[in-house]
Amino acid sequence: MINETLNSKLMKFKPFFQDLKKDNHFYRLGKPFETSQKKYFYDTGTGKIFQINENVYVVLSCLFDCDDFDSLLELDMEEDTLESALQEIKECIDEEHILLAPPVTCFSGPHVSALENYLQYNMNQLTLEVTERCNLRCKYCIYQDSHNDFHGYNNRDMTFETAKKAIDYTYPRVEEEFFLAFYGGEPLLNFKLIKQCVEYAEKLVVDKKLGFSMTTNAVLVTKEIAEYLVEHNFVVLVSLDGPEEIHDENRVFQDGSGSFKHVMRGIKHLVEAKEKNHSKDESGDTLYFSLVASGPNLVEKYNKIQDFFDNTEWLPKPVTVNASYVSYGRTAEEYLEPTSLEDKSYREDKSIDPLFSWSVENQRDANTDKKLFLTGRCGSFFI
């Protein structure tokens, strides 16, 4: 390590590199990376890729990770070696005009310039939030006052007039497929509007593929509602966190009682209606599950959840689950600077994604019907 006293030979480079950084960050200028045999640097401004030696790689990595020139003094590197690496970088900057990418001051690129075109001609799905009411009070819901991004509950319902305007706007702008999704709150609290929208869309859409989907907690699914959804080829995403003891930890009614038995009754109606109708869409299954895991004992819970899906014989196999973790709102780690040491530590920490780690350790034969519950993928008809 170089002596903590700022060495004049090295510090003569500081104004030059600070001028490159300006009031921004070093890491926006490029990216050092390595393969199994060599080390490289990609320059953001020119798009050039340079093969570099070990010393230059260490220096650039330090600058980009720590975002501070003085951090170079903490490197385990001889003073002359560090000076030589800095000189090599400076010469390359002068000759190749690298590390000069202008700061980004606005959003740009095809996703911005083509936005109007996408809105006019490339839409394929409309999601209607048919109500903001909900019959549950899930403890991790964004509408709870304990959530960092608290929205609050209210009793507003969408009107058919509003829904019709949205459908009329979207339909002429889709090409071959038009997916109409219903969301909430709990959308079945405004089932009347859903039926109005379905009836209207089925009359309107005559020359394109039409599909319906809904995200629901399934508590209000009756035999009649299930038969209606199956008859109209709905793809349904049901919120289910696993077996009763896990599901009822968070998915509760306003009085705090668990919703598991009510949810399973609704799911049973959907399965029976589907079997009665022999209904399947072109992509296969029409019933999916959304699972949110919480707590410190996640591995134990994942094992219980897997057993639940394996051993509930009447559920469709293989089951398709969209699994996620509880989000308590915006947190500091969401704003880590890319390539920073803190960011790298965050990404390398297996506890950040315990579901992936668990799935790797519990891989199953690809030919078995009882696959891991997170193996499936929901289609494009969900938001």
Protein backbone atom coordinates (compact mmCIF):
# COMPACT_ATOMS: atom_id res chain seq x y z
CA MET A 1 0.00 0.00 0.00
CA ILE A 2 1.28 3.46 -0.83
CA ASN A 3 2.07 5.79 2.03
CA GLU A 4 -0.99 7.71 3.15
CA THR A 5 0.84 10.99 2.47
CA LEU A 6 -0.31 12.10 -0.96
CA ASN A 7 2.64 11.49 -3.26
CA SER A 8 3.34 14.38 -5.62
CA LYS A 9 4.14 12.07 -8.56
CA LEU A 10 0.76 10.45 -8.32
CA MET A 11 -1.24 13.49 -7.34
CA LYS A 12 -0.15 15.31 -10.49
CA PHE A 13 -2.64 13.01 -12.26
CA LYS A 14 -5.51 13.93 -9.97
CA PRO A 15 -6.64 17.18 -11.69
CA PHE A 16 -6.62 15.39 -15.05
CA PHE A 17 -8.82 12.52 -13.83
CA GLN A 18 -11.06 14.81 -11.81
CA ASP A 19 -11.67 16.80 -14.98
CA LEU A 20 -12.78 13.58 -16.68
CA LYS A 21 -15.15 12.83 -13.85
CA LYS A 22 -16.40 16.42 -13.52
CA ASP A 23 -19.44 16.51 -11.24
CA ASN A 24 -20.55 13.06 -12.34
CA HIS A 25 -19.18 9.51 -11.86
CA PHE A 26 -16.22 7.61 -13.23
CA TYR A 27 -18.30 4.48 -13.88
CA ARG A 28 -20.43 6.19 -16.52
CA LEU A 29 -17.34 6.41 -18.76
CA GLY A 30 -16.87 2.67 -19.38
CA LYS A 31 -16.52 -0.80 -17.96
CA PRO A 32 -13.44 -2.94 -17.16
CA PHE A 33 -14.15 -6.65 -17.65
CA GLU A 34 -12.22 -9.89 -17.97
CA THR A 35 -12.45 -13.31 -19.57
CA SER A 36 -10.74 -16.46 -18.40
CA GLN A 37 -7.52 -15.38 -20.11
CA LYS A 38 -7.45 -11.63 -20.72
CA LYS A 39 -8.62 -8.29 -19.38
CA TYR A 40 -10.42 -5.58 -21.34
CA PHE A 41 -11.96 -2.13 -21.10
CA TYR A 42 -15.10 -1.01 -22.89
CA ASP A 43 -15.35 2.73 -23.49
CA THR A 44 -18.87 4.15 -23.36
CA GLY A 45 -18.23 7.23 -25.50
CA THR A 46 -16.50 5.62 -28.48
CA GLY A 47 -17.75 2.06 -28.22
CA LYS A 48 -14.16 0.82 -28.45
CA ILE A 49 -12.89 -2.24 -26.57
CA PHE A 50 -9.25 -2.34 -25.51
CA GLN A 51 -7.19 -5.24 -24.24
CA ILE A 52 -5.37 -3.98 -21.12
CA ASN A 53 -2.72 -5.29 -18.77
CA GLU A 54 -3.25 -6.33 -15.16
CA ASN A 55 -2.08 -3.05 -13.63
CA VAL A 56 -4.29 -0.86 -15.81
CA TYR A 57 -7.21 -3.19 -15.09
CA VAL A 58 -6.68 -2.85 -11.32
CA VAL A 59 -6.45 0.94 -11.53
CA LEU A 60 -9.56 1.34 -13.70
CA SER A 61 -11.52 -1.11 -11.56
CA CYS A 62 -10.57 0.85 -8.44
CA LEU A 63 -11.61 4.16 -9.99
CA PHE A 64 -14.91 2.79 -11.19
CA ASP A 65 -15.71 0.85 -8.00
CA CYS A 66 -14.81 3.58 -5.51
CA ASP A 67 -15.55 6.58 -7.73
CA ASP A 68 -12.71 8.48 -6.07
CA PHE A 69 -9.16 9.14 -7.30
CA ASP A 70 -7.70 9.07 -3.77
CA SER A 71 -8.83 5.45 -3.41
CA LEU A 72 -5.90 4.50 -5.66
CA LEU A 73 -3.59 5.24 -2.72
CA GLU A 74 -5.09 2.28 -0.89
CA LEU A 75 -4.12 -0.22 -3.59
CA ASP A 76 -1.55 -2.90 -2.83
CA MET A 77 0.65 -1.65 -5.65
CA GLU A 78 4.14 -0.20 -5.88
CA GLU A 79 4.26 3.56 -6.40
CA ASP A 80 6.17 3.34 -9.68
CA THR A 81 3.79 0.65 -11.00
CA LEU A 82 0.75 2.77 -10.18
CA GLU A 83 2.32 5.85 -11.78
CA SER A 84 3.11 3.86 -14.92
CA ALA A 85 -0.47 2.57 -15.16
CA LEU A 86 -1.91 6.08 -14.75
CA GLN A 87 0.46 7.40 -17.42
CA GLU A 88 -0.58 4.62 -19.80
CA ILE A 89 -4.25 5.44 -19.26
CA LYS A 90 -3.61 9.16 -19.80
CA GLU A 91 -1.75 8.53 -23.05
CA CYS A 92 -4.55 6.31 -24.32
CA ILE A 93 -7.07 9.03 -23.49
CA ASP A 94 -5.04 11.57 -25.45
CA GLU A 95 -4.53 9.27 -28.44
CA GLU A 96 -7.83 7.38 -28.60
CA HIS A 97 -10.15 10.03 -27.11
CA ILE A 98 -11.65 7.60 -24.63
CA LEU A 99 -13.19 8.27 -21.19
CA LEU A 100 -14.85 11.35 -22.67
CA ALA A 101 -18.47 10.24 -22.88
CA PRO A 102 -20.75 13.26 -22.39
CA PRO A 103 -23.08 13.12 -19.40
CA VAL A 104 -26.61 11.87 -20.01
CA THR A 105 -28.99 14.78 -19.60
CA CYS A 106 -32.18 13.23 -20.99
CA PHE A 107 -33.65 9.88 -21.90
CA SER A 108 -32.90 8.83 -25.46
CA GLY A 109 -32.88 5.82 -27.72
CA PRO A 110 -35.50 3.84 -29.66
CA HIS A 111 -37.64 3.21 -26.58
CA VAL A 112 -38.10 7.00 -26.29
CA SER A 113 -38.08 8.15 -29.90
CA ALA A 114 -40.45 5.35 -30.92
CA LEU A 115 -42.80 5.79 -27.95
CA GLU A 116 -45.44 7.60 -29.96
CA ASN A 117 -45.31 4.90 -32.62
CA TYR A 118 -45.70 2.18 -29.98
CA LEU A 119 -48.70 3.93 -28.50
CA GLN A 120 -50.27 4.32 -31.91
CA TYR A 121 -49.55 0.98 -33.54
CA ASN A 122 -47.91 -1.55 -31.22
CA MET A 123 -50.22 -1.94 -28.25
CA ASN A 124 -51.51 -5.42 -27.44
CA GLN A 125 -52.82 -5.25 -23.89
CA LEU A 126 -55.13 -3.05 -21.87
CA THR A 127 -55.28 -3.43 -18.08
CA LEU A 128 -58.34 -2.01 -16.36
CA GLU A 129 -58.21 -1.33 -12.63
CA VAL A 130 -61.92 -1.96 -12.25
CA THR A 131 -62.01 -1.17 -8.52
CA GLU A 132 -59.82 0.06 -5.71
CA ARG A 133 -61.87 -1.85 -3.16
CA CYS A 134 -60.55 -5.06 -1.65
CA ASN A 135 -62.10 -7.71 0.59
CA LEU A 136 -58.72 -8.63 2.12
CA ARG A 137 -56.17 -6.69 4.13
CA CYS A 138 -52.92 -8.47 3.24
CA LYS A 139 -50.27 -7.35 5.68
CA TYR A 140 -47.65 -6.60 3.03
CA CYS A 141 -50.00 -4.84 0.61
CA ILE A 142 -49.01 -1.41 -0.65
CA TYR A 143 -52.43 -0.13 0.43
CA GLN A 144 -51.64 -0.83 4.10
CA ASP A 145 -50.63 2.20 6.16
CA SER A 146 -47.60 0.24 7.43
CA HIS A 147 -46.10 0.16 3.90
CA ASN A 148 -43.42 2.74 3.00
CA ASP A 149 -45.24 3.54 -0.24
CA PHE A 150 -48.65 3.58 1.43
CA HIS A 151 -51.49 4.34 -1.01
CA GLY A 152 -54.52 3.93 1.22
CA TYR A 153 -57.78 2.10 0.67
CA ASN A 154 -60.86 3.69 -0.90
CA ASN A 155 -64.16 2.63 -2.41
CA ARG A 156 -63.81 3.91 -5.96
CA ASP A 157 -65.03 1.73 -8.84
CA MET A 158 -64.38 2.24 -12.52
CA THR A 159 -67.45 3.04 -14.59
CA PHE A 160 -68.33 1.33 -17.86
CA GLU A 161 -68.06 4.70 -19.59
CA THR A 162 -64.39 4.95 -18.59
CA ALA A 163 -63.68 1.31 -19.47
CA LYS A 164 -65.36 1.69 -22.85
CA LYS A 165 -63.24 4.75 -23.67
CA ALA A 166 -60.10 2.80 -22.82
CA ILE A 167 -61.14 -0.17 -24.96
CA ASP A 168 -62.12 2.08 -27.87
CA TYR A 169 -58.74 3.82 -27.67
CA THR A 170 -56.67 0.64 -27.50
CA TYR A 171 -58.43 -1.66 -29.96
CA PRO A 172 -57.62 0.27 -33.19
CA ARG A 173 -53.97 0.39 -32.09
CA VAL A 174 -53.38 -3.35 -31.75
CA GLU A 175 -52.32 -5.54 -34.63
CA GLU A 176 -53.15 -9.24 -34.29
CA GLU A 177 -53.86 -9.80 -30.57
CA PHE A 178 -55.83 -7.81 -28.01
CA PHE A 179 -55.56 -8.86 -24.36
CA LEU A 180 -57.95 -7.28 -21.90
CA ALA A 181 -56.82 -7.66 -18.28
CA PHE A 182 -58.84 -6.92 -15.14
CA TYR A 183 -57.13 -5.77 -11.99
CA GLY A 184 -57.89 -4.19 -8.63
CA GLY A 185 -58.21 -4.00 -5.64
CA GLU A 186 -60.14 -7.20 -5.94
CA PRO A 187 -61.68 -7.09 -9.44
CA LEU A 188 -64.51 -9.48 -8.60
CA LEU A 189 -65.98 -6.80 -6.34
CA ASN A 190 -66.92 -5.11 -9.62
CA PHE A 191 -67.82 -8.25 -11.53
CA LYS A 192 -70.74 -6.45 -13.18
CA LEU A 193 -68.31 -4.16 -14.99
CA ILE A 194 -66.11 -7.10 -16.01
CA LYS A 195 -69.07 -8.77 -17.69
CA GLN A 196 -70.01 -5.51 -19.43
CA CYS A 197 -66.46 -5.17 -20.77
CA VAL A 198 -66.34 -8.77 -21.94
CA GLU A 199 -69.64 -8.45 -23.75
CA TYR A 200 -68.57 -5.21 -25.39
CA ALA A 201 -65.12 -6.48 -26.39
CA GLU A 202 -66.48 -9.71 -27.88
CA LYS A 203 -68.80 -7.69 -30.11
CA LEU A 204 -66.12 -5.17 -31.03
CA VAL A 205 -63.18 -7.48 -31.73
CA VAL A 206 -64.07 -9.53 -34.79
CA ASP A 207 -60.87 -9.53 -36.84
CA LYS A 208 -58.21 -10.11 -34.18
CA LYS A 209 -57.43 -12.59 -31.44
CA LEU A 210 -59.11 -11.58 -28.18
CA GLY A 211 -58.03 -12.76 -24.75
CA PHE A 212 -59.10 -11.99 -21.19
CA SER A 213 -57.18 -12.27 -17.94
CA MET A 214 -57.73 -11.40 -14.32
CA THR A 215 -55.67 -11.20 -11.14
CA THR A 216 -57.78 -12.21 -8.13
CA ASN A 217 -57.56 -13.50 -4.57
CA ALA A 218 -60.32 -16.00 -5.57
CA VAL A 219 -62.27 -15.48 -2.32
CA LEU A 220 -65.37 -14.39 -4.26
CA VAL A 221 -65.14 -17.06 -6.96
CA THR A 222 -68.40 -18.98 -6.94
CA LYS A 223 -69.37 -21.90 -9.14
CA GLU A 224 -71.24 -19.51 -11.42
CA ILE A 225 -68.38 -17.03 -11.67
CA ALA A 226 -65.90 -19.84 -12.36
CA GLU A 227 -68.07 -21.19 -15.16
CA TYR A 228 -68.36 -17.71 -16.66
CA LEU A 229 -64.58 -17.20 -16.61
CA VAL A 230 -63.93 -20.58 -18.19
CA GLU A 231 -66.66 -20.06 -20.80
CA HIS A 232 -65.01 -16.82 -21.88
CA ASN A 233 -61.51 -18.33 -21.86
CA PHE A 234 -60.14 -16.22 -19.04
CA VAL A 235 -56.58 -16.74 -17.92
CA VAL A 236 -56.70 -16.37 -14.15
CA LEU A 237 -53.83 -15.50 -11.80
CA VAL A 238 -54.77 -16.40 -8.22
CA SER A 239 -52.93 -14.99 -5.20
CA LEU A 240 -51.95 -18.00 -3.09
CA ASP A 241 -48.95 -18.04 -0.75
CA GLY A 242 -48.85 -21.81 -0.16
CA PRO A 243 -50.33 -24.03 2.57
CA GLU A 244 -52.73 -22.64 5.15
CA GLU A 245 -50.17 -21.85 7.87
CA ILE A 246 -48.06 -19.80 5.45
CA HIS A 247 -50.86 -18.23 3.42
CA ASP A 248 -52.72 -17.03 6.50
CA GLU A 249 -49.67 -15.28 7.93
CA ASN A 250 -50.32 -12.34 5.63
CA ARG A 251 -53.38 -12.81 3.46
CA VAL A 252 -56.10 -12.00 5.95
CA PHE A 253 -59.53 -10.41 6.14
CA GLN A 254 -60.13 -7.06 7.82
CA ASP A 255 -60.80 -8.81 11.13
CA GLY A 256 -57.41 -10.56 10.92
CA SER A 257 -58.78 -14.02 10.13
CA GLY A 258 -57.07 -16.10 7.45
CA SER A 259 -58.41 -16.38 3.91
CA PHE A 260 -56.89 -19.74 2.91
CA LYS A 261 -60.05 -21.87 3.05
CA HIS A 262 -62.01 -19.29 1.05
CA VAL A 263 -59.25 -19.02 -1.56
CA MET A 264 -58.99 -22.79 -1.96
CA ARG A 265 -62.75 -23.05 -2.37
CA GLY A 266 -62.57 -20.50 -5.19
CA ILE A 267 -59.67 -22.31 -6.84
CA LYS A 268 -61.59 -25.59 -6.62
CA HIS A 269 -64.51 -23.98 -8.44
CA LEU A 270 -62.15 -22.82 -11.21
CA VAL A 271 -60.55 -26.25 -11.59
CA GLU A 272 -63.92 -28.03 -11.67
CA ALA A 273 -65.34 -25.55 -14.19
CA LYS A 274 -62.31 -26.02 -16.40
CA GLU A 275 -62.56 -29.81 -16.20
CA LYS A 276 -66.26 -29.65 -16.97
CA ASN A 277 -65.66 -27.42 -19.96
CA HIS A 278 -62.43 -29.19 -21.03
CA SER A 279 -61.08 -25.70 -21.57
CA LYS A 280 -57.53 -24.84 -22.50
CA ASP A 281 -56.21 -21.91 -24.44
CA GLU A 282 -53.63 -22.27 -27.18
CA SER A 283 -50.73 -21.81 -24.79
CA GLY A 284 -51.88 -24.58 -22.43
CA ASP A 285 -52.93 -23.83 -18.88
CA THR A 286 -55.28 -21.01 -17.94
CA LEU A 287 -54.79 -21.06 -14.17
CA TYR A 288 -51.68 -19.57 -12.57
CA PHE A 289 -50.68 -18.63 -9.05
CA SER A 290 -48.97 -15.61 -7.55
CA LEU A 291 -46.97 -16.28 -4.40
CA VAL A 292 -45.33 -13.79 -2.06
CA ALA A 293 -42.85 -15.10 0.51
CA SER A 294 -41.92 -13.35 3.73
CA GLY A 295 -39.92 -13.93 6.88
CA PRO A 296 -36.41 -15.08 7.78
CA ASN A 297 -37.14 -18.81 7.46
CA LEU A 298 -37.62 -18.80 3.69
CA VAL A 299 -35.93 -22.14 2.91
CA GLU A 300 -38.19 -23.93 5.37
CA LYS A 301 -41.20 -22.19 3.82
CA TYR A 302 -40.16 -23.07 0.26
CA ASN A 303 -39.98 -26.75 1.23
CA LYS A 304 -43.47 -26.60 2.74
CA ILE A 305 -44.81 -24.72 -0.28
CA GLN A 306 -43.33 -27.32 -2.62
CA ASP A 307 -44.90 -30.15 -0.59
CA PHE A 308 -48.23 -28.33 -0.72
CA PHE A 309 -48.25 -28.04 -4.51
CA ASP A 310 -46.94 -31.61 -4.92
CA ASN A 311 -49.53 -33.17 -2.64
CA THR A 312 -52.66 -31.17 -3.47
CA GLU A 313 -53.68 -33.70 -6.08
CA TRP A 314 -56.57 -31.81 -7.62
CA LEU A 315 -54.42 -28.82 -8.59
CA PRO A 316 -53.31 -28.81 -12.25
CA LYS A 317 -49.87 -30.27 -12.88
CA PRO A 318 -47.34 -28.92 -13.48
CA VAL A 319 -48.34 -25.91 -11.43
CA THR A 320 -47.18 -22.49 -12.63
CA VAL A 321 -46.28 -20.00 -9.92
CA ASN A 322 -45.09 -16.42 -10.17
CA ALA A 323 -43.04 -16.21 -6.95
CA SER A 324 -41.68 -13.04 -5.37
CA TYR A 325 -40.67 -11.58 -2.01
CA VAL A 326 -42.32 -9.07 0.24
CA SER A 327 -41.48 -5.50 -0.72
CA TYR A 328 -41.71 -2.94 2.05
CA GLY A 329 -41.19 -0.02 -0.29
CA ARG A 330 -38.15 1.84 -1.56
CA THR A 331 -34.98 1.00 0.31
CA ALA A 332 -31.40 2.17 0.14
CA GLU A 333 -30.13 -0.84 -1.82
CA GLU A 334 -32.33 0.10 -4.78
CA TYR A 335 -30.18 3.19 -5.26
CA LEU A 336 -26.72 1.64 -5.10
CA GLU A 337 -24.35 3.06 -7.66
CA PRO A 338 -23.62 0.55 -10.46
CA THR A 339 -20.20 -1.11 -10.26
CA SER A 340 -19.67 0.17 -6.70
CA LEU A 341 -18.18 -2.21 -4.16
CA GLU A 342 -21.44 -2.05 -2.20
CA ASP A 343 -23.39 -2.93 -5.31
CA LYS A 344 -21.12 -5.91 -6.06
CA SER A 345 -21.43 -7.15 -2.50
CA TYR A 346 -25.21 -6.82 -2.70
CA ARG A 347 -25.42 -8.80 -5.93
CA GLU A 348 -23.09 -11.55 -4.73
CA ASP A 349 -24.99 -12.09 -1.47
CA LYS A 350 -27.01 -15.29 -1.92
CA SER A 351 -29.47 -14.20 0.74
CA ILE A 352 -30.66 -11.49 -1.64
CA ASP A 353 -32.24 -14.15 -3.86
CA PRO A 354 -32.87 -17.15 -1.60
CA LEU A 355 -35.50 -18.57 -3.95
CA PHE A 356 -32.95 -18.98 -6.74
CA SER A 357 -30.44 -20.56 -4.36
CA TRP A 358 -33.12 -22.93 -3.05
CA SER A 359 -34.17 -23.92 -6.58
CA VAL A 360 -30.60 -24.74 -7.57
CA GLU A 361 -30.23 -27.00 -4.56
CA ASN A 362 -33.58 -28.73 -5.23
CA GLN A 363 -33.47 -29.31 -8.98
CA ARG A 364 -35.78 -31.99 -10.31
CA ASP A 365 -35.87 -34.25 -13.31
CA ALA A 366 -37.16 -32.36 -16.33
CA ASN A 367 -39.52 -35.21 -17.21
CA THR A 368 -41.50 -35.25 -13.96
CA ASP A 369 -44.92 -33.59 -13.70
CA LYS A 370 -44.11 -32.41 -10.19
CA LYS A 371 -41.74 -29.61 -11.07
CA LEU A 372 -40.46 -26.94 -8.70
CA PHE A 373 -43.22 -24.44 -8.11
CA LEU A 374 -41.15 -21.52 -9.48
CA THR A 375 -40.32 -23.29 -12.75
CA GLY A 376 -43.37 -22.11 -14.68
CA ARG A 377 -43.70 -18.78 -16.44
CA CYS A 378 -46.82 -16.67 -16.73
CA GLY A 379 -47.78 -15.48 -20.19
CA SER A 380 -47.82 -11.96 -21.61
CA PHE A 381 -51.45 -11.41 -20.68
CA PHE A 382 -50.60 -10.37 -17.12
CA ILE A 383 -49.37 -6.96 -16.06
